[in-house]
C-alpha atoms as a PDB file:
ATOM      1  CA  UNK A   1       5.443   3.777  -8.101  1.00  0.00           C
ATOM      2  CA  UNK A   2       2.906   1.229  -9.347  1.00  0.00           C
ATOM      3  CA  UNK A   3      -0.343   1.377  -7.431  1.00  0.00           C
ATOM      4  CA  UNK A   4      -3.366  -0.905  -7.916  1.00  0.00           C
ATOM      5  CA  UNK A   5      -6.335   0.156  -5.773  1.00  0.00           C
ATOM      6  CA  UNK A   6      -8.888  -2.606  -6.640  1.00  0.00           C
ATOM      7  CA  UNK A   7      -8.359  -6.329  -5.946  1.00  0.00           C
ATOM      8  CA  UNK A   8     -10.164  -9.295  -4.449  1.00  0.00           C
ATOM      9  CA  UNK A   9      -9.288 -12.381  -2.472  1.00  0.00           C
ATOM     10  CA  UNK A  10     -11.210 -15.459  -1.300  1.00  0.00           C
ATOM     11  CA  UNK A  11     -12.488 -13.359   1.638  1.00  0.00           C
ATOM     12  CA  UNK A  12     -15.143 -12.514  -0.949  1.00  0.00           C
ATOM     13  CA  UNK A  13     -15.288 -13.740  -4.549  1.00  0.00           C
ATOM     14  CA  UNK A  14     -11.632 -13.931  -5.575  1.00  0.00           C
ATOM     15  CA  UNK A  15      -9.998 -17.375  -5.970  1.00  0.00           C
ATOM     16  CA  UNK A  16      -6.810 -16.801  -3.902  1.00  0.00           C
ATOM     17  CA  UNK A  17      -6.182 -16.289  -0.175  1.00  0.00           C
ATOM     18  CA  UNK A  18      -5.132 -12.747   0.800  1.00  0.00           C
ATOM     19  CA  UNK A  19      -1.581 -13.823   1.475  1.00  0.00           C
ATOM     20  CA  UNK A  20      -1.293 -15.182  -2.092  1.00  0.00           C
ATOM     21  CA  UNK A  21      -2.762 -11.892  -3.478  1.00  0.00           C
ATOM     22  CA  UNK A  22      -0.028  -9.980  -1.664  1.00  0.00           C
ATOM     23  CA  UNK A  23       2.649 -12.362  -3.068  1.00  0.00           C
ATOM     24  CA  UNK A  24       1.256 -11.930  -6.615  1.00  0.00           C
ATOM     25  CA  UNK A  25       1.065  -8.153  -6.187  1.00  0.00           C
ATOM     26  CA  UNK A  26       4.754  -7.934  -5.387  1.00  0.00           C
ATOM     27  CA  UNK A  27       5.646 -10.384  -8.188  1.00  0.00           C
ATOM     28  CA  UNK A  28       3.715  -8.105 -10.579  1.00  0.00           C
ATOM     29  CA  UNK A  29       5.973  -5.196  -9.612  1.00  0.00           C
ATOM     30  CA  UNK A  30       3.414  -3.304  -7.532  1.00  0.00           C
ATOM     31  CA  UNK A  31       4.464  -0.897  -4.763  1.00  0.00           C
ATOM     32  CA  UNK A  32       0.956  -0.377  -3.376  1.00  0.00           C
ATOM     33  CA  UNK A  33      -2.033  -2.714  -3.369  1.00  0.00           C
ATOM     34  CA  UNK A  34      -5.540  -2.179  -2.034  1.00  0.00           C
ATOM     35  CA  UNK A  35      -7.447  -5.321  -0.981  1.00  0.00           C
ATOM     36  CA  UNK A  36     -11.142  -4.439  -1.612  1.00  0.00           C
ATOM     37  CA  UNK A  37     -13.213  -7.576  -0.986  1.00  0.00           C
ATOM     38  CA  UNK A  38     -16.989  -7.259  -1.260  1.00  0.00           C
ATOM     39  CA  UNK A  39     -18.649  -5.858   1.879  1.00  0.00           C
ATOM     40  CA  UNK A  40     -15.880  -7.146   4.205  1.00  0.00           C
ATOM     41  CA  UNK A  41     -12.428  -6.353   5.589  1.00  0.00           C
ATOM     42  CA  UNK A  42     -12.001  -9.957   6.769  1.00  0.00           C
ATOM     43  CA  UNK A  43      -8.969 -10.595   4.567  1.00  0.00           C
ATOM     44  CA  UNK A  44      -6.950  -7.572   5.732  1.00  0.00           C
ATOM     45  CA  UNK A  45      -5.375  -9.216   8.760  1.00  0.00           C
ATOM     46  CA  UNK A  46      -3.936 -12.160   6.770  1.00  0.00           C
ATOM     47  CA  UNK A  47      -2.783  -9.770   4.049  1.00  0.00           C
ATOM     48  CA  UNK A  48      -0.926  -7.589   6.551  1.00  0.00           C
ATOM     49  CA  UNK A  49       0.781 -10.625   8.136  1.00  0.00           C
ATOM     50  CA  UNK A  50       1.925 -11.840   4.668  1.00  0.00           C
ATOM     51  CA  UNK A  51       2.984  -8.438   3.299  1.00  0.00           C
ATOM     52  CA  UNK A  52       6.226  -8.796   1.366  1.00  0.00           C
ATOM     53  CA  UNK A  53       9.046  -6.210   1.889  1.00  0.00           C
ATOM     54  CA  UNK A  54       8.533  -3.159  -0.328  1.00  0.00           C
ATOM     55  CA  UNK A  55       4.737  -3.537  -0.699  1.00  0.00           C
ATOM     56  CA  UNK A  56       2.259  -1.152   0.924  1.00  0.00           C
ATOM     57  CA  UNK A  57      -1.232  -2.423   1.761  1.00  0.00           C
ATOM     58  CA  UNK A  58      -4.247  -0.160   1.644  1.00  0.00           C
ATOM     59  CA  UNK A  59      -7.122  -1.663   3.594  1.00  0.00           C
ATOM     60  CA  UNK A  60     -10.401  -1.410   1.676  1.00  0.00           C
ATOM     61  CA  UNK A  61     -13.637  -3.030   0.629  1.00  0.00           C
ATOM     62  CA  UNK A  62     -16.148  -2.761  -2.188  1.00  0.00           C
ATOM     63  CA  UNK A  63     -19.570  -1.796  -0.842  1.00  0.00           C
ATOM     64  CA  UNK A  64     -22.766  -3.051  -2.461  1.00  0.00           C
ATOM     65  CA  UNK A  65     -25.069  -0.199  -3.351  1.00  0.00           C
ATOM     66  CA  UNK A  66     -28.291   0.126  -5.350  1.00  0.00           C
ATOM     67  CA  UNK A  67     -29.737   3.142  -7.181  1.00  0.00           C
ATOM     68  CA  UNK A  68     -33.068   3.098  -9.041  1.00  0.00           C
ATOM     69  CA  UNK A  69     -32.987  -0.683  -9.036  1.00  0.00           C
ATOM     70  CA  UNK A  70     -29.457  -0.889 -10.450  1.00  0.00           C
ATOM     71  CA  UNK A  71     -26.224  -2.092  -8.887  1.00  0.00           C
ATOM     72  CA  UNK A  72     -23.583   0.471  -7.950  1.00  0.00           C
ATOM     73  CA  UNK A  73     -20.239  -0.405  -6.293  1.00  0.00           C
ATOM     74  CA  UNK A  74     -18.305   1.886  -4.005  1.00  0.00           C
ATOM     75  CA  UNK A  75     -14.726   1.334  -3.056  1.00  0.00           C
ATOM     76  CA  UNK A  76     -14.014   2.373   0.557  1.00  0.00           C
ATOM     77  CA  UNK A  77     -10.479   2.846   1.862  1.00  0.00           C
ATOM     78  CA  UNK A  78      -9.312   3.156   5.514  1.00  0.00           C
ATOM     79  CA  UNK A  79     -12.826   2.974   6.932  1.00  0.00           C
ATOM     80  CA  UNK A  80     -13.227   1.624  10.475  1.00  0.00           C
ATOM     81  CA  UNK A  81     -15.555  -1.415  10.258  1.00  0.00           C
ATOM     82  CA  UNK A  82     -16.301  -1.158  13.970  1.00  0.00           C
ATOM     83  CA  UNK A  83     -17.984   2.249  13.571  1.00  0.00           C
ATOM     84  CA  UNK A  84     -21.571   1.616  14.554  1.00  0.00           C
ATOM     85  CA  UNK A  85     -23.354   2.787  11.449  1.00  0.00           C
ATOM     86  CA  UNK A  86     -21.079   1.095   8.991  1.00  0.00           C
ATOM     87  CA  UNK A  87     -20.912  -2.126  11.078  1.00  0.00           C
ATOM     88  CA  UNK A  88     -24.662  -2.402  11.187  1.00  0.00           C
ATOM     89  CA  UNK A  89     -24.967  -2.011   7.413  1.00  0.00           C
ATOM     90  CA  UNK A  90     -22.205  -4.528   6.718  1.00  0.00           C
ATOM     91  CA  UNK A  91     -24.025  -7.051   8.852  1.00  0.00           C
ATOM     92  CA  UNK A  92     -27.299  -6.445   7.026  1.00  0.00           C
ATOM     93  CA  UNK A  93     -25.634  -6.809   3.667  1.00  0.00           C
ATOM     94  CA  UNK A  94     -23.759  -9.987   4.420  1.00  0.00           C
ATOM     95  CA  UNK A  95     -26.762 -11.610   6.139  1.00  0.00           C
ATOM     96  CA  UNK A  96     -28.929 -10.900   3.068  1.00  0.00           C
ATOM     97  CA  UNK A  97     -26.224 -12.290   0.819  1.00  0.00           C
ATOM     98  CA  UNK A  98     -26.706 -15.692   2.435  1.00  0.00           C
ATOM     99  CA  UNK A  99     -30.520 -15.541   1.952  1.00  0.00           C
ATOM    100  CA  UNK A 100     -30.074 -14.526  -1.654  1.00  0.00           C
ATOM    101  CA  UNK A 101     -27.579 -17.253  -2.434  1.00  0.00           C
ATOM    102  CA  UNK A 102     -29.773 -19.949  -0.880  1.00  0.00           C
ATOM    103  CA  UNK A 103     -32.795 -18.666  -2.925  1.00  0.00           C
ATOM    104  CA  UNK A 104     -30.725 -18.742  -6.167  1.00  0.00           C
ATOM    105  CA  UNK A 105     -29.569 -22.264  -5.460  1.00  0.00           C
ATOM    106  CA  UNK A 106     -33.178 -23.305  -5.026  1.00  0.00           C
ATOM    107  CA  UNK A 107     -34.206 -21.634  -8.351  1.00  0.00           C
ATOM    108  CA  UNK A 108     -31.324 -23.321 -10.184  1.00  0.00           C
ATOM    109  CA  UNK A 109     -32.272 -26.676  -8.792  1.00  0.00           C
ATOM    110  CA  UNK A 110     -35.810 -26.103  -9.999  1.00  0.00           C
ATOM    111  CA  UNK A 111     -34.327 -25.423 -13.457  1.00  0.00           C
ATOM    112  CA  UNK A 112     -32.537 -28.756 -13.363  1.00  0.00           C
ATOM    113  CA  UNK A 113     -29.050 -27.672 -12.252  1.00  0.00           C
ATOM    114  CA  UNK A 114     -27.690 -30.256  -9.861  1.00  0.00           C
ATOM    115  CA  UNK A 115     -25.974 -28.094  -7.227  1.00  0.00           C
ATOM    116  CA  UNK A 116     -26.535 -27.775  -3.494  1.00  0.00           C
ATOM    117  CA  UNK A 117     -26.199 -25.058  -0.879  1.00  0.00           C
ATOM    118  CA  UNK A 118     -23.507 -27.092   0.870  1.00  0.00           C
ATOM    119  CA  UNK A 119     -21.529 -27.212  -2.338  1.00  0.00           C
ATOM    120  CA  UNK A 120     -21.709 -23.389  -2.771  1.00  0.00           C
ATOM    121  CA  UNK A 121     -20.892 -22.829   0.946  1.00  0.00           C
ATOM    122  CA  UNK A 122     -17.804 -25.070   0.609  1.00  0.00           C
ATOM    123  CA  UNK A 123     -16.606 -23.038  -2.366  1.00  0.00           C
ATOM    124  CA  UNK A 124     -17.121 -19.756  -0.472  1.00  0.00           C
ATOM    125  CA  UNK A 125     -15.416 -21.120   2.587  1.00  0.00           C
ATOM    126  CA  UNK A 126     -15.055 -18.291   5.177  1.00  0.00           C
ATOM    127  CA  UNK A 127     -15.548 -15.656   2.475  1.00  0.00           C
ATOM    128  CA  UNK A 128     -18.643 -13.479   1.887  1.00  0.00           C
ATOM    129  CA  UNK A 129     -20.801 -15.558  -0.449  1.00  0.00           C
ATOM    130  CA  UNK A 130     -21.593 -14.171  -3.836  1.00  0.00           C
ATOM    131  CA  UNK A 131     -22.804 -15.101  -7.326  1.00  0.00           C
ATOM    132  CA  UNK A 132     -19.258 -16.139  -8.500  1.00  0.00           C
ATOM    133  CA  UNK A 133     -19.325 -18.975  -5.961  1.00  0.00           C
ATOM    134  CA  UNK A 134     -22.626 -20.186  -7.442  1.00  0.00           C
ATOM    135  CA  UNK A 135     -21.170 -19.869 -10.878  1.00  0.00           C
ATOM    136  CA  UNK A 136     -18.257 -22.055  -9.906  1.00  0.00           C
ATOM    137  CA  UNK A 137     -20.634 -24.651  -8.531  1.00  0.00           C
ATOM    138  CA  UNK A 138     -22.550 -24.635 -11.804  1.00  0.00           C
ATOM    139  CA  UNK A 139     -19.304 -25.358 -13.643  1.00  0.00           C
ATOM    140  CA  UNK A 140     -18.621 -28.279 -11.261  1.00  0.00           C
ATOM    141  CA  UNK A 141     -22.114 -29.557 -11.999  1.00  0.00           C
ATOM    142  CA  UNK A 142     -21.525 -29.413 -15.744  1.00  0.00           C
ATOM    143  CA  UNK A 143     -24.350 -26.877 -16.344  1.00  0.00           C
ATOM    144  CA  UNK A 144     -21.997 -24.345 -17.923  1.00  0.00           C
ATOM    145  CA  UNK A 145     -18.383 -24.536 -19.199  1.00  0.00           C
ATOM    146  CA  UNK A 146     -17.066 -21.309 -17.691  1.00  0.00           C
ATOM    147  CA  UNK A 147     -18.192 -19.197 -14.671  1.00  0.00           C
ATOM    148  CA  UNK A 148     -18.829 -16.194 -16.908  1.00  0.00           C
ATOM    149  CA  UNK A 149     -21.684 -18.048 -18.665  1.00  0.00           C
ATOM    150  CA  UNK A 150     -23.661 -17.974 -15.458  1.00  0.00           C
ATOM    151  CA  UNK A 151     -24.146 -14.125 -15.646  1.00  0.00           C
ATOM    152  CA  UNK A 152     -26.793 -14.205 -18.349  1.00  0.00           C
ATOM    153  CA  UNK A 153     -30.566 -13.980 -18.458  1.00  0.00           C
ATOM    154  CA  UNK A 154     -30.596 -17.768 -18.743  1.00  0.00           C
ATOM    155  CA  UNK A 155     -29.141 -18.122 -15.274  1.00  0.00           C
ATOM    156  CA  UNK A 156     -28.080 -15.649 -12.603  1.00  0.00           C
ATOM    157  CA  UNK A 157     -27.505 -12.446 -14.546  1.00  0.00           C
ATOM    158  CA  UNK A 158     -29.722  -9.469 -13.638  1.00  0.00           C
ATOM    159  CA  UNK A 159     -33.324 -10.329 -14.539  1.00  0.00           C
ATOM    160  CA  UNK A 160     -32.279 -13.911 -15.225  1.00  0.00           C
ATOM    161  CA  UNK A 161     -34.318 -17.025 -14.582  1.00  0.00           C
ATOM    162  CA  UNK A 162     -32.519 -17.793 -11.269  1.00  0.00           C
ATOM    163  CA  UNK A 163     -31.607 -14.223 -10.346  1.00  0.00           C
ATOM    164  CA  UNK A 164     -32.617 -12.939  -6.861  1.00  0.00           C
ATOM    165  CA  UNK A 165     -32.213  -9.368  -5.668  1.00  0.00           C
ATOM    166  CA  UNK A 166     -30.638  -8.502  -2.350  1.00  0.00           C
ATOM    167  CA  UNK A 167     -30.289  -5.673   0.188  1.00  0.00           C
ATOM    168  CA  UNK A 168     -27.877  -2.912  -0.760  1.00  0.00           C
ATOM    169  CA  UNK A 169     -27.124   0.623   0.353  1.00  0.00           C
ATOM    170  CA  UNK A 170     -28.143   3.894  -1.231  1.00  0.00           C
ATOM    171  CA  UNK A 171     -24.833   5.115  -2.662  1.00  0.00           C
ATOM    172  CA  UNK A 172     -25.201   8.581  -0.998  1.00  0.00           C
ATOM    173  CA  UNK A 173     -25.783   6.960   2.280  1.00  0.00           C
ATOM    174  CA  UNK A 174     -22.773   4.677   1.690  1.00  0.00           C
ATOM    175  CA  UNK A 175     -20.495   7.665   0.961  1.00  0.00           C
ATOM    176  CA  UNK A 176     -21.590   9.389   4.181  1.00  0.00           C
ATOM    177  CA  UNK A 177     -21.136   6.117   6.196  1.00  0.00           C
ATOM    178  CA  UNK A 178     -17.584   5.696   4.886  1.00  0.00           C
ATOM    179  CA  UNK A 179     -16.733   9.327   5.743  1.00  0.00           C
ATOM    180  CA  UNK A 180     -18.242   8.894   9.244  1.00  0.00           C
ATOM    181  CA  UNK A 181     -16.086   5.808   9.710  1.00  0.00           C
ATOM    182  CA  UNK A 182     -12.935   7.802   8.874  1.00  0.00           C
ATOM    183  CA  UNK A 183     -12.546   6.492   5.334  1.00  0.00           C
ATOM    184  CA  UNK A 184     -12.649   7.855   1.798  1.00  0.00           C
ATOM    185  CA  UNK A 185     -14.765   6.443  -1.068  1.00  0.00           C
ATOM    186  CA  UNK A 186     -14.254   6.020  -4.843  1.00  0.00           C
ATOM    187  CA  UNK A 187     -16.999   5.110  -7.301  1.00  0.00           C
ATOM    188  CA  UNK A 188     -15.963   1.832  -8.837  1.00  0.00           C
ATOM    189  CA  UNK A 189     -16.054   1.141 -12.633  1.00  0.00           C
ATOM    190  CA  UNK A 190     -18.807   3.795 -13.302  1.00  0.00           C
ATOM    191  CA  UNK A 191     -18.779   3.136 -17.073  1.00  0.00           C
ATOM    192  CA  UNK A 192     -18.758  -0.615 -17.525  1.00  0.00           C
ATOM    193  CA  UNK A 193     -19.992  -1.447 -21.031  1.00  0.00           C
ATOM    194  CA  UNK A 194     -21.901  -4.492 -19.741  1.00  0.00           C
ATOM    195  CA  UNK A 195     -24.223  -2.317 -17.672  1.00  0.00           C
ATOM    196  CA  UNK A 196     -27.823  -2.086 -18.765  1.00  0.00           C
ATOM    197  CA  UNK A 197     -27.796   1.565 -17.662  1.00  0.00           C
ATOM    198  CA  UNK A 198     -25.304   4.422 -17.325  1.00  0.00           C
ATOM    199  CA  UNK A 199     -24.398   6.167 -14.102  1.00  0.00           C
ATOM    200  CA  UNK A 200     -25.148   9.785 -15.178  1.00  0.00           C
ATOM    201  CA  UNK A 201     -23.038  12.801 -14.475  1.00  0.00           C
ATOM    202  CA  UNK A 202     -25.791  14.255 -12.277  1.00  0.00           C
ATOM    203  CA  UNK A 203     -25.605  11.181 -10.015  1.00  0.00           C
ATOM    204  CA  UNK A 204     -21.842  11.456  -9.704  1.00  0.00           C
ATOM    205  CA  UNK A 205     -22.213  15.218  -8.947  1.00  0.00           C
ATOM    206  CA  UNK A 206     -24.643  14.306  -6.143  1.00  0.00           C
ATOM    207  CA  UNK A 207     -22.210  11.765  -4.748  1.00  0.00           C
ATOM    208  CA  UNK A 208     -19.415  14.280  -4.897  1.00  0.00           C
ATOM    209  CA  UNK A 209     -21.521  16.714  -2.799  1.00  0.00           C
ATOM    210  CA  UNK A 210     -22.125  13.920  -0.323  1.00  0.00           C
ATOM    211  CA  UNK A 211     -18.349  13.452   0.114  1.00  0.00           C
ATOM    212  CA  UNK A 212     -17.220  11.045  -2.661  1.00  0.00           C
ATOM    213  CA  UNK A 213     -13.434  11.186  -2.942  1.00  0.00           C
ATOM    214  CA  UNK A 214     -12.801   9.805  -6.474  1.00  0.00           C
ATOM    215  CA  UNK A 215     -13.780   7.961  -9.635  1.00  0.00           C
ATOM    216  CA  UNK A 216     -12.251   4.758 -10.880  1.00  0.00           C
ATOM    217  CA  UNK A 217     -11.119   5.938 -14.258  1.00  0.00           C
ATOM    218  CA  UNK A 218      -8.644   3.218 -15.210  1.00  0.00           C
ATOM    219  CA  UNK A 219     -10.401  -0.131 -15.213  1.00  0.00           C
ATOM    220  CA  UNK A 220      -9.819  -3.080 -17.616  1.00  0.00           C
ATOM    221  CA  UNK A 221     -13.392  -2.893 -18.912  1.00  0.00           C
ATOM    222  CA  UNK A 222     -13.528   0.817 -19.549  1.00  0.00           C
ATOM    223  CA  UNK A 223     -12.317   2.026 -22.969  1.00  0.00           C
ATOM    224  CA  UNK A 224     -10.335   5.133 -23.870  1.00  0.00           C
ATOM    225  CA  UNK A 225     -13.374   7.328 -24.639  1.00  0.00           C
ATOM    226  CA  UNK A 226     -14.968   6.443 -21.319  1.00  0.00           C
ATOM    227  CA  UNK A 227     -11.760   7.221 -19.440  1.00  0.00           C
ATOM    228  CA  UNK A 228     -11.419  10.619 -21.125  1.00  0.00           C
ATOM    229  CA  UNK A 229     -15.002  11.430 -20.134  1.00  0.00           C
ATOM    230  CA  UNK A 230     -14.567  10.262 -16.577  1.00  0.00           C
ATOM    231  CA  UNK A 231     -11.205  12.071 -16.112  1.00  0.00           C
ATOM    232  CA  UNK A 232     -12.760  15.326 -17.353  1.00  0.00           C
ATOM    233  CA  UNK A 233     -15.712  14.885 -14.962  1.00  0.00           C
ATOM    234  CA  UNK A 234     -13.407  14.095 -12.074  1.00  0.00           C
ATOM    235  CA  UNK A 235     -11.359  17.211 -12.791  1.00  0.00           C
ATOM    236  CA  UNK A 236     -14.443  19.409 -12.907  1.00  0.00           C
ATOM    237  CA  UNK A 237     -15.656  18.017  -9.566  1.00  0.00           C
ATOM    238  CA  UNK A 238     -12.244  17.999  -7.841  1.00  0.00           C
ATOM    239  CA  UNK A 239     -12.323  14.173  -7.566  1.00  0.00           C
ATOM    240  CA  UNK A 240      -9.344  11.832  -7.579  1.00  0.00           C
ATOM    241  CA  UNK A 241      -8.760   9.731 -10.718  1.00  0.00           C
ATOM    242  CA  UNK A 242      -8.267   6.227  -9.390  1.00  0.00           C
ATOM    243  CA  UNK A 243      -7.287   3.011 -11.191  1.00  0.00           C
ATOM    244  CA  UNK A 244      -7.101  -0.676 -10.448  1.00  0.00           C
ATOM    245  CA  UNK A 245      -7.156  -4.189 -11.953  1.00  0.00           C
ATOM    246  CA  UNK A 246     -10.319  -5.467 -10.224  1.00  0.00           C
ATOM    247  CA  UNK A 247      -8.424  -8.741 -10.102  1.00  0.00           C
ATOM    248  CA  UNK A 248     -10.342 -11.811  -8.873  1.00  0.00           C
ATOM    249  CA  UNK A 249      -7.519 -14.333  -9.410  1.00  0.00           C
ATOM    250  CA  UNK A 250      -8.282 -17.196 -11.792  1.00  0.00           C
ATOM    251  CA  UNK A 251     -11.743 -15.761 -12.580  1.00  0.00           C
ATOM    252  CA  UNK A 252     -10.222 -12.712 -14.305  1.00  0.00           C
ATOM    253  CA  UNK A 253      -6.942 -14.185 -15.546  1.00  0.00           C
ATOM    254  CA  UNK A 254      -4.554 -13.061 -12.750  1.00  0.00           C
ATOM    255  CA  UNK A 255      -4.359  -9.433 -13.883  1.00  0.00           C
ATOM    256  CA  UNK A 256      -2.965  -7.579 -10.884  1.00  0.00           C
ATOM    257  CA  UNK A 257      -1.254  -4.371 -11.969  1.00  0.00           C
ATOM    258  CA  UNK A 258      -2.882  -4.259 -15.434  1.00  0.00           C
ATOM    259  CA  UNK A 259      -4.413  -0.925 -14.457  1.00  0.00           C
ATOM    260  CA  UNK A 260      -2.879   1.522 -11.951  1.00  0.00           C
ATOM    261  CA  UNK A 261      -3.354   4.842 -10.182  1.00  0.00           C
ATOM    262  CA  UNK A 262      -0.931   7.730 -10.742  1.00  0.00           C
ATOM    263  CA  UNK A 263       1.205   8.426  -7.664  1.00  0.00           C
ATOM    264  CA  UNK A 264       0.003  11.985  -7.308  1.00  0.00           C
ATOM    265  CA  UNK A 265      -3.656  10.852  -7.369  1.00  0.00           C
ATOM    266  CA  UNK A 266      -2.873   8.190  -4.803  1.00  0.00           C
ATOM    267  CA  UNK A 267      -1.303  10.806  -2.497  1.00  0.00           C
ATOM    268  CA  UNK A 268      -4.419  12.952  -2.880  1.00  0.00           C
ATOM    269  CA  UNK A 269      -6.663  10.037  -1.959  1.00  0.00           C
ATOM    270  CA  UNK A 270      -4.599   9.112   1.085  1.00  0.00           C
ATOM    271  CA  UNK A 271      -4.725  12.760   2.194  1.00  0.00           C
ATOM    272  CA  UNK A 272      -8.477  12.695   1.981  1.00  0.00           C
ATOM    273  CA  UNK A 273      -8.487   9.537   4.146  1.00  0.00           C
ATOM    274  CA  UNK A 274      -6.124  11.154   6.648  1.00  0.00           C
ATOM    275  CA  UNK A 275      -8.420  14.206   6.846  1.00  0.00           C
ATOM    276  CA  UNK A 276     -11.451  11.998   7.386  1.00  0.00           C
ATOM    277  CA  UNK A 277      -9.670  10.384  10.349  1.00  0.00           C
END
């Protein structure tokens, strides 16, 4: 079995509709795909309706968290978005995403970038608005050549001239919310080299005590040494070793299936979700 537990559609900041993500997943030879859009399950219905024969869909999302002023992402699988506590927090996060995006557009215009909020909103469509939508608008305006160039101190990278912070959950609270909603959580890409800080072992140990189910060990931007360290830490804490492509369509070069989760680890994770239910 080939299992990719981290992907995005245009329900958040991916470039392709959920149905197209499902088609590409099967074409990539995957047996299981998790759709994990940022702070929303809005794409799951379309994905289910378009599911090709032989492909299993795991409903998920990537929750926005913040610890000591730094961004932390939590993958949540099989959580009920109608559960009161989780639903309230998702509403708060997505509402503040709109405020933040508008403020960043204003800052960019003050810096001479000829983009509008209407342009960004059109790119986002019905999806949860995020910085990648602003980056794509900047490309259209000719301010940068590629979306990745927006995520620097010059523009909308952390601490950048047009960067604006936003509301996010404490990761321990997020882990507990996911568990209360009948889901299981995995800490996403905990060792990205681009981070300006490192998620320490003591933080991961604290999240494990709160109910964290796993660590994303296999990720395109985590090297071999980081994977060995994370796998050893996961084993010592009894956490699942997860893996996924973190595919965003055209933004990441259509890489579904480039990283996967071992079948045994997937079964462990789904058992944890079943127990949570």
